[in-house]
Protein backbone atom coordinates (compact mmCIF):
# COMPACT_ATOMS: atom_id res chain seq x y z
CA MET A 1 106.62 -24.82 110.63
CA THR A 2 108.31 -23.20 107.63
CA SER A 3 111.83 -23.38 106.25
CA LEU A 4 113.83 -21.32 103.77
CA ALA A 5 115.68 -22.71 100.77
CA SER A 6 117.95 -20.94 98.30
CA ASN A 7 117.05 -21.17 94.63
CA GLY A 8 119.64 -19.02 92.88
CA LYS A 9 119.03 -15.45 93.95
CA ASN A 10 115.47 -16.21 95.10
CA VAL A 11 114.47 -17.18 98.60
CA VAL A 12 111.76 -19.81 98.49
CA TRP A 13 109.37 -20.68 101.28
CA CYS A 14 109.20 -24.44 101.18
CA ALA A 15 106.05 -24.66 103.25
CA MET A 16 104.36 -21.35 103.87
CA GLU A 17 101.48 -21.41 106.29
CA ASP A 18 98.25 -19.66 105.26
CA THR A 19 98.51 -17.33 108.25
CA GLU A 20 102.01 -16.29 107.15
CA LYS A 21 100.79 -15.59 103.62
CA VAL A 22 98.01 -13.44 105.04
CA GLY A 23 100.58 -11.48 107.01
CA PHE A 24 102.68 -10.75 103.93
CA ARG A 25 99.60 -9.84 101.88
CA THR A 26 98.39 -7.52 104.61
CA ARG A 27 101.71 -5.71 104.71
CA LEU A 28 101.72 -5.48 100.89
CA SER A 29 98.30 -3.82 101.08
CA GLU A 30 99.68 -1.35 103.61
CA GLY A 31 102.81 -0.62 101.58
CA PHE A 32 101.00 -0.27 98.24
CA THR A 33 97.84 1.86 98.04
CA PRO A 34 96.74 2.09 94.38
CA THR A 35 93.17 3.01 95.32
CA ALA A 36 93.96 5.80 97.78
CA PRO A 37 96.48 8.62 98.17
CA ILE A 38 99.46 8.09 100.48
CA SER A 39 98.61 9.10 104.03
CA LYS A 40 101.71 7.91 105.91
CA GLY A 41 104.88 9.95 105.66
CA GLU A 42 107.18 6.94 105.93
CA LEU A 43 105.64 5.46 102.76
CA PHE A 44 105.86 8.69 100.76
CA SER A 45 108.53 8.66 98.04
CA GLY A 46 110.23 11.32 95.94
CA ARG A 47 109.08 14.91 95.44
CA THR A 48 112.08 16.34 97.30
CA GLU A 49 112.12 19.57 95.26
CA GLU A 50 108.37 20.12 95.59
CA LYS A 51 108.45 19.52 99.35
CA THR A 52 111.32 22.01 99.73
CA ARG A 53 109.49 24.71 97.75
CA LEU A 54 106.32 24.17 99.78
CA ARG A 55 108.19 24.47 103.05
CA ASP A 56 110.08 27.58 101.95
CA ALA A 57 106.95 29.40 100.76
CA LEU A 58 104.48 28.34 103.40
CA PHE A 59 105.04 30.92 106.11
CA GLN A 60 105.57 34.02 103.99
CA LEU A 61 102.89 36.54 104.96
CA GLY A 62 100.65 37.46 102.03
CA GLN A 63 101.75 34.45 99.96
CA HIS A 64 99.44 31.64 98.93
CA LEU A 65 100.27 28.35 97.21
CA LEU A 66 99.01 26.57 94.12
CA ILE A 67 99.84 22.88 93.70
CA TYR A 68 99.01 21.74 90.18
CA GLY A 69 99.72 19.01 87.68
CA GLU A 70 98.07 16.28 85.62
CA ARG A 71 95.47 14.03 87.16
CA GLY A 72 97.02 11.01 88.83
CA VAL A 73 100.51 12.41 89.46
CA GLY A 74 100.15 12.38 93.26
CA LYS A 75 99.04 15.91 94.11
CA THR A 76 96.67 14.71 96.84
CA SER A 77 99.36 12.51 98.38
CA LEU A 78 101.63 15.55 98.51
CA ALA A 79 98.80 17.57 100.06
CA ASN A 80 98.22 14.78 102.61
CA LEU A 81 101.89 14.82 103.58
CA LEU A 82 101.80 18.59 103.91
CA TYR A 83 98.56 18.52 105.90
CA ASP A 84 99.83 15.91 108.34
CA SER A 85 103.09 17.78 108.91
CA LEU A 86 101.20 21.05 109.40
CA ARG A 87 98.87 19.51 111.97
CA SER A 88 101.85 19.29 114.33
CA LEU A 89 102.01 23.09 114.17
CA GLU A 90 98.63 23.47 115.86
CA LYS A 91 100.30 23.46 119.25
CA TRP A 92 102.09 26.60 118.04
CA SER A 93 98.69 28.27 117.54
CA TYR A 94 98.27 27.45 113.85
CA GLN A 95 94.78 26.46 112.72
CA VAL A 96 95.17 23.85 109.95
CA VAL A 97 92.20 22.51 107.96
CA ARG A 98 91.61 20.78 104.65
CA PHE A 99 88.55 20.79 102.41
CA ASN A 100 88.02 18.40 99.50
CA CYS A 101 85.98 19.85 96.66
CA SER A 102 83.34 17.87 94.81
CA ALA A 103 81.48 18.35 91.54
CA GLY A 104 78.75 20.24 93.42
CA SER A 105 81.08 22.58 95.31
CA ASN A 106 80.76 26.32 94.87
CA PHE A 107 82.36 29.23 96.69
CA VAL A 108 79.87 29.32 99.58
CA PHE A 109 79.87 25.53 99.99
CA ILE A 110 83.68 25.47 100.17
CA TRP A 111 83.91 28.17 102.81
CA GLN A 112 81.03 26.79 104.84
CA GLY A 113 83.04 23.57 104.99
CA VAL A 114 86.27 25.35 105.87
CA PHE A 115 84.73 27.35 108.71
CA ARG A 116 82.92 24.26 109.96
CA GLU A 117 86.30 22.56 110.29
CA LEU A 118 88.11 25.46 111.91
CA SER A 119 88.41 24.66 115.58
CA PHE A 120 89.43 27.43 117.93
CA LEU A 121 87.30 27.09 121.06
CA ASN A 122 89.84 28.77 123.34
CA GLU A 123 90.21 31.75 121.04
CA ILE A 124 86.50 32.45 120.68
CA ARG A 125 85.93 32.01 124.42
CA GLN A 126 88.64 34.57 125.09
CA ARG A 127 86.81 36.94 122.77
CA GLY A 128 83.62 36.61 124.78
CA ILE A 129 81.50 34.69 122.28
CA THR A 130 78.69 33.02 124.17
CA GLU A 131 78.72 29.31 124.83
CA ASP A 132 75.60 28.65 122.74
CA LEU A 133 77.55 29.61 119.60
CA VAL A 134 80.07 26.86 120.24
CA THR A 135 79.57 23.15 119.62
CA THR A 136 82.12 20.55 120.73
CA GLY A 137 85.02 22.87 120.29
CA ARG A 138 84.12 24.03 116.79
CA ILE A 139 82.88 27.42 115.71
CA LYS A 140 79.19 27.53 114.91
CA ILE A 141 79.14 30.91 113.17
CA PRO A 142 77.80 30.05 109.71
CA PHE A 143 79.31 31.43 106.54
CA PRO A 144 76.53 33.50 104.94
CA GLU A 145 74.63 32.00 102.03
CA ASP A 146 75.47 35.06 99.94
CA GLY A 147 79.02 35.36 101.31
CA GLY A 148 81.88 36.67 99.25
CA ALA A 149 85.59 37.39 99.42
CA GLU A 150 85.30 40.10 102.06
CA ASP A 151 83.29 37.82 104.33
CA VAL A 152 86.09 35.26 104.18
CA ARG A 153 88.68 37.93 104.89
CA PHE A 154 86.71 39.31 107.84
CA LEU A 155 86.12 35.93 109.47
CA LEU A 156 89.73 34.83 109.07
CA GLN A 157 90.88 38.05 110.68
CA GLN A 158 88.79 37.17 113.73
CA LEU A 159 90.68 33.96 114.40
CA GLY A 160 93.40 35.65 116.39
CA SER A 161 95.88 33.01 115.23
CA PRO A 162 97.28 32.13 111.78
CA ALA A 163 95.38 29.67 109.61
CA ILE A 164 96.56 27.30 106.89
CA ILE A 165 93.73 26.09 104.65
CA VAL A 166 94.18 23.33 102.05
CA ILE A 167 91.52 23.32 99.30
CA ASP A 168 92.03 20.03 97.45
CA GLU A 169 90.64 18.83 94.09
CA PHE A 170 89.75 22.35 93.00
CA ASP A 171 89.55 21.07 89.40
CA ARG A 172 86.26 19.35 90.30
CA VAL A 173 84.57 22.70 90.83
CA LYS A 174 82.38 23.72 87.89
CA GLY A 175 81.53 27.27 86.89
CA GLN A 176 83.57 30.41 86.47
CA GLU A 177 81.92 32.23 89.38
CA THR A 178 83.75 30.19 92.02
CA SER A 179 87.14 30.83 90.39
CA THR A 180 86.36 34.54 90.24
CA LEU A 181 85.35 34.71 93.91
CA LEU A 182 88.35 32.66 95.04
CA ALA A 183 90.68 34.95 93.06
CA ASP A 184 89.01 37.92 94.78
CA THR A 185 89.59 36.21 98.14
CA ILE A 186 93.29 35.67 97.49
CA LYS A 187 93.68 39.32 96.48
CA SER A 188 91.81 40.55 99.56
CA LEU A 189 93.80 38.33 101.96
CA SER A 190 97.06 39.44 100.38
CA ASP A 191 96.15 43.16 100.27
CA HIS A 192 95.13 43.14 103.93
CA ALA A 193 98.10 40.97 105.00
CA VAL A 194 95.73 38.54 106.73
CA ASP A 195 97.70 35.86 108.55
CA ALA A 196 96.06 33.00 106.64
CA THR A 197 97.56 30.89 103.86
CA LEU A 198 95.49 29.18 101.19
CA ILE A 199 96.91 26.08 99.51
CA ILE A 200 94.89 25.25 96.40
CA VAL A 201 95.38 21.87 94.72
CA GLY A 202 94.17 21.26 91.17
CA VAL A 203 95.04 20.61 87.55
CA ALA A 204 96.75 23.22 85.40
CA ASP A 205 93.58 24.26 83.55
CA SER A 206 91.73 25.15 86.74
CA ILE A 207 94.75 27.15 87.94
CA ASP A 208 94.90 29.04 84.64
CA GLU A 209 91.25 29.99 85.04
CA LEU A 210 91.88 31.16 88.57
CA ILE A 211 94.78 33.43 87.65
CA ALA A 212 93.00 34.73 84.56
CA GLU A 213 90.38 36.29 86.81
CA HIS A 214 92.94 38.48 88.56
CA ALA A 215 96.30 38.84 86.84
CA SER A 216 97.39 40.96 89.79
CA ILE A 217 97.15 38.03 92.21
CA GLU A 218 100.00 36.21 90.49
CA ARG A 219 102.53 38.05 92.65
CA ALA A 220 100.75 36.64 95.74
CA LEU A 221 100.92 33.05 94.47
CA VAL A 222 103.71 30.51 94.68
CA GLN A 223 102.95 28.04 91.90
CA ILE A 224 104.30 24.55 92.46
CA LYS A 225 104.03 22.19 89.54
CA VAL A 226 103.89 18.47 90.30
CA PRO A 227 105.20 16.67 87.20
CA ARG A 228 105.03 12.99 86.51
CA MET A 229 107.42 11.07 88.70
CA ARG A 230 110.87 10.13 87.50
CA GLU A 231 111.70 6.45 87.20
CA VAL A 232 114.03 6.61 90.19
CA GLU A 233 111.12 7.95 92.30
CA LEU A 234 108.79 5.22 91.05
CA ALA A 235 111.47 2.65 91.89
CA GLU A 236 111.58 4.10 95.39
CA ILE A 237 107.81 3.57 95.72
CA VAL A 238 108.20 -0.08 94.71
CA GLN A 239 111.17 -0.74 96.98
CA LYS A 240 109.54 0.92 100.00
CA GLY A 241 106.39 -1.13 99.49
CA PHE A 242 108.30 -4.40 99.44
CA GLN A 243 110.42 -3.39 102.41
CA HIS A 244 107.25 -2.63 104.37
CA ALA A 245 105.98 -6.12 103.50
CA LYS A 246 109.31 -7.64 104.60
CA MET A 247 109.84 -8.84 101.03
CA SER A 248 112.10 -7.74 98.19
CA ILE A 249 112.06 -7.28 94.42
CA ASP A 250 114.93 -7.66 91.98
CA GLU A 251 116.33 -4.75 89.98
CA ASP A 252 114.99 -5.85 86.58
CA ALA A 253 111.46 -6.18 87.93
CA THR A 254 111.69 -2.79 89.63
CA GLN A 255 112.83 -1.15 86.40
CA GLN A 256 110.06 -2.86 84.47
CA ILE A 257 107.40 -1.46 86.80
CA SER A 258 108.99 2.01 86.69
CA VAL A 259 108.91 2.10 82.88
CA LEU A 260 105.36 0.75 82.56
CA SER A 261 103.95 3.21 85.11
CA ARG A 262 104.52 6.19 82.77
CA GLY A 263 105.35 8.49 85.65
CA LEU A 264 102.08 7.80 87.49
CA PRO A 265 102.39 6.57 91.10
CA HIS A 266 99.01 4.78 90.99
CA ASN A 267 100.37 2.25 88.52
CA ALA A 268 103.61 1.73 90.43
CA HIS A 269 101.54 0.92 93.53
CA GLU A 270 99.21 -1.41 91.64
CA LEU A 271 101.87 -3.32 89.74
CA GLY A 272 104.05 -3.54 92.85
CA MET A 273 101.22 -5.00 94.91
CA PHE A 274 100.20 -7.51 92.25
CA ALA A 275 103.82 -8.55 91.65
CA GLY A 276 104.13 -9.20 95.38
CA HIS A 277 100.99 -11.32 95.33
CA ALA A 278 102.32 -13.31 92.36
CA ALA A 279 105.62 -13.96 94.16
CA LEU A 280 103.80 -15.20 97.26
CA ASP A 281 101.58 -17.44 95.14
CA ALA A 282 104.76 -18.96 93.72
CA GLY A 283 106.16 -19.46 97.22
CA ARG A 284 108.79 -16.72 96.98
CA LEU A 285 109.66 -13.64 99.01
CA ILE A 286 111.50 -11.99 96.09
CA ALA A 287 109.50 -10.71 93.12
CA THR A 288 110.93 -11.13 89.60
CA LYS A 289 110.10 -10.05 86.03
CA GLU A 290 107.85 -13.09 85.74
CA ASP A 291 105.82 -11.75 88.64
CA VAL A 292 105.54 -8.36 86.92
CA GLU A 293 104.20 -10.11 83.82
CA SER A 294 101.61 -11.74 86.05
CA ALA A 295 100.91 -8.34 87.61
CA ILE A 296 100.19 -6.89 84.15
CA ARG A 297 97.51 -9.54 83.55
CA ARG A 298 96.00 -8.98 86.99
CA SER A 299 96.01 -5.22 86.47
CA LEU A 300 94.15 -5.56 83.16
CA LYS A 301 91.54 -7.84 84.74
CA SER A 302 90.98 -5.48 87.66
CA ALA A 303 90.88 -2.26 85.61
CA GLN A 304 87.98 0.05 86.35
CA GLN A 305 85.04 -0.40 84.01
CA THR A 306 85.24 3.27 83.02
CA ILE A 307 88.81 2.76 81.78
CA VAL A 308 87.90 -0.39 79.85
CA SER A 309 84.82 1.27 78.34
CA SER A 310 86.79 4.36 77.31
CA TYR A 311 89.40 2.21 75.62
CA LEU A 312 86.87 0.05 73.74
CA GLN A 313 84.89 3.08 72.60
CA ALA A 314 88.05 4.77 71.38
CA ILE A 315 89.10 1.91 69.10
CA SER A 316 85.61 0.85 67.95
CA SER A 317 84.78 1.04 64.26
CA SER A 318 82.66 -0.94 61.84
CA HIS A 319 85.50 -0.94 59.31
CA LYS A 320 89.00 -2.32 59.27
CA ASN A 321 91.16 0.25 61.00
CA ILE A 322 94.38 0.96 62.92
CA TYR A 323 92.76 2.81 65.83
CA LYS A 324 94.23 0.35 68.32
CA GLN A 325 97.77 0.76 66.99
CA ILE A 326 97.54 4.56 66.84
CA LEU A 327 96.12 4.81 70.37
CA LEU A 328 98.98 2.61 71.61
CA ALA A 329 101.49 4.81 69.79
CA ALA A 330 99.93 7.87 71.45
CA ALA A 331 100.27 6.23 74.87
CA LEU A 332 103.95 5.51 74.16
CA SER A 333 104.75 9.00 72.87
CA PRO A 334 106.97 11.36 74.90
CA THR A 335 105.05 14.14 76.63
CA ASP A 336 105.85 17.57 77.95
CA GLU A 337 105.48 18.54 81.62
CA LEU A 338 101.70 18.86 81.29
CA GLY A 339 101.21 15.57 79.43
CA TYR A 340 100.94 16.96 75.87
CA PHE A 341 102.45 15.38 72.77
CA TYR A 342 102.58 16.42 69.12
CA ALA A 343 101.31 14.37 66.20
CA GLY A 344 104.89 13.86 65.01
CA ASP A 345 105.77 12.13 68.28
CA LEU A 346 103.79 9.07 67.17
CA ARG A 347 105.97 8.26 64.18
CA GLY A 348 108.60 6.23 66.01
CA PRO A 349 106.22 4.23 68.23
CA LEU A 350 103.78 3.60 65.37
CA MET A 351 106.54 2.28 63.11
CA ARG A 352 107.65 -0.16 65.81
CA ILE A 353 104.06 -1.30 66.47
CA ALA A 354 102.77 -1.52 62.89
CA LYS A 355 106.14 -2.43 61.29
CA LYS A 356 105.35 0.24 58.72
CA ARG A 357 106.24 3.90 58.36
CA TYR A 358 103.28 6.28 58.44
CA GLY A 359 103.31 9.97 57.63
CA ILE A 360 101.36 12.33 59.86
CA ASP A 361 98.59 12.59 57.28
CA GLY A 362 98.14 8.82 57.66
CA TYR A 363 96.92 9.10 61.25
CA MET A 364 96.09 12.75 62.00
CA ARG A 365 92.38 12.17 61.43
CA HIS A 366 92.49 9.30 63.92
CA LEU A 367 93.91 11.62 66.59
CA LYS A 368 91.11 14.09 65.88
CA HIS A 369 88.57 11.28 66.14
CA PHE A 370 89.93 10.41 69.59
CA CYS A 371 88.95 13.97 70.60
CA SER A 372 85.30 13.36 69.57
CA ALA A 373 82.37 12.03 71.58
CA GLU A 374 82.00 9.15 69.11
CA HIS A 375 85.38 7.82 70.23
CA GLY A 376 84.96 8.64 73.90
CA ASN A 377 86.84 11.96 74.03
CA VAL A 378 89.89 10.04 75.25
CA LEU A 379 92.18 12.81 73.97
CA GLU A 380 91.94 16.56 74.21
CA LYS A 381 93.40 18.95 71.68
CA LYS A 382 95.04 22.32 72.19
CA GLY A 383 96.69 24.92 69.97
CA GLU A 384 96.33 26.11 66.41
CA ARG A 385 95.74 23.84 63.44
CA ARG A 386 99.37 23.64 62.38
CA LYS A 387 100.64 23.16 65.90
CA PHE A 388 98.08 20.95 67.60
CA ARG A 389 99.06 19.29 70.85
CA PHE A 390 97.18 16.32 72.30
CA ARG A 391 96.99 14.64 75.68
CA PHE A 392 94.92 11.95 77.36
CA ARG A 393 92.02 13.36 79.35
CA ASP A 394 92.65 10.66 81.94
CA PRO A 395 96.38 9.86 82.14
CA ILE A 396 95.60 6.52 83.82
CA LEU A 397 94.55 5.32 80.35
CA GLU A 398 98.16 5.43 79.13
CA PRO A 399 99.58 2.57 81.25
CA TYR A 400 96.40 0.55 80.65
CA ILE A 401 96.77 0.90 76.87
CA ILE A 402 100.47 -0.02 77.01
CA MET A 403 99.86 -3.07 79.22
CA ARG A 404 97.03 -4.15 76.93
CA GLY A 405 99.35 -3.78 73.95
CA ILE A 406 101.90 -6.00 75.68
CA ASP A 407 99.25 -8.56 76.58
CA GLU A 408 97.99 -8.62 72.97
CA LYS A 409 101.56 -8.96 71.62
CA LEU A 410 101.44 -5.66 69.74
CA ILE A 411 104.58 -4.64 71.59
CA ASN A 412 106.79 -6.05 74.33
CA GLU A 413 108.50 -4.66 77.44
CA ASP A 414 111.83 -4.30 75.65
CA ASP A 415 110.16 -2.23 72.92
CA VAL A 416 108.77 0.08 75.59
CA LYS A 417 112.24 0.57 77.08
CA ARG A 418 113.84 1.17 73.67
CA LEU A 419 111.21 3.70 72.65
CA LYS A 420 111.87 5.61 75.83
CA SER A 421 115.58 5.90 75.07
CA GLU A 422 115.27 6.65 71.34
CA PRO A 423 115.40 10.27 70.18
CA THR A 424 112.02 11.72 69.29
CA GLU A 425 111.25 12.04 65.59
CA ARG A 426 109.00 15.07 65.85
CA PHE A 427 107.35 16.81 62.91
CA LEU A 428 104.70 19.49 63.04
CA ILE A 429 102.02 19.81 60.40
CA LEU A 430 103.17 22.43 57.92
């Protein structure tokens, strides 16, 4: 038997049974999914503008959609939400399928997968295709091994009903040939007004390559950028997760998680879940800032080995150095909509971390080193020499570096908040 007691604003379970703790932990694991994209609409947060643009563009004949943004910003969760909502349209004769690309995917492999998933048994029976070409309600006509854009167009025209095809993780596809053929496909589908809509999900670079192959297809594409989430959207993720668990979290703790997540939903999910666990371990149903501090330590301990290895390789040197401080300053720097920052953006964060003012020439070579194999290629560089922009190859590194900086007392949570609100002291190399 359990009882509740009030301890200030916190509700404390005086004697929580193990089975009750398991129940709360189970619901926390359902409400927070740091290791997988969101698949339930009721747990999806934010992205109101992006959802509206998707809905408005989806059923325009001859239009196709590109969903793009940095890695880790929630593109697949948005695609999942779209896919699930579209599946309800199947009763209105829409054929809706999704294909997830892998590193080994090429044009033929993608379309073999798409046509394998397309299920239209009634349609092909009405067209007189013999029963031996049909298996358990799915078409058995193979996409040819040497198939191209016109083969896709021809087969989609045979469906007899509109199709919506989501091609996710297109950035994992290697080789220019696939981008060229997919661009040809979009042009052919648009030119022939085929009642099929492609929704391609990837990072900005892969989308640039796709459009570069056929500048003329740009008029047939609705490009929907998925930026990093705003703090209010991250707070919504945290609050929904706790509500699902039948728990709550105070405002300061919610804000702390929102700031530390750097616009990435993965980190909001992870810190929210770990903060909930810490609250339960302390016998509380309300999470506080102390629980977020515990969540930071748990997050660092559970970080993927690839993230830890990348970080250690980036800061490694046989000589006394400030690699660690500069990498932390880079993680704290303001970014543009595609995650890029300028060298001058580090000046404010680095001064707060190192308690010393550095000119750009004092750390520019370090930034360049972070773009080298010796230091793990943790950054990538773009632009001309006097106007270089940098960004993390894996944005998930940013919150890890910041949390590690907090744990190692290089910076604290209040510093992170202040840096966010301070005006940027930006200088380009002249």
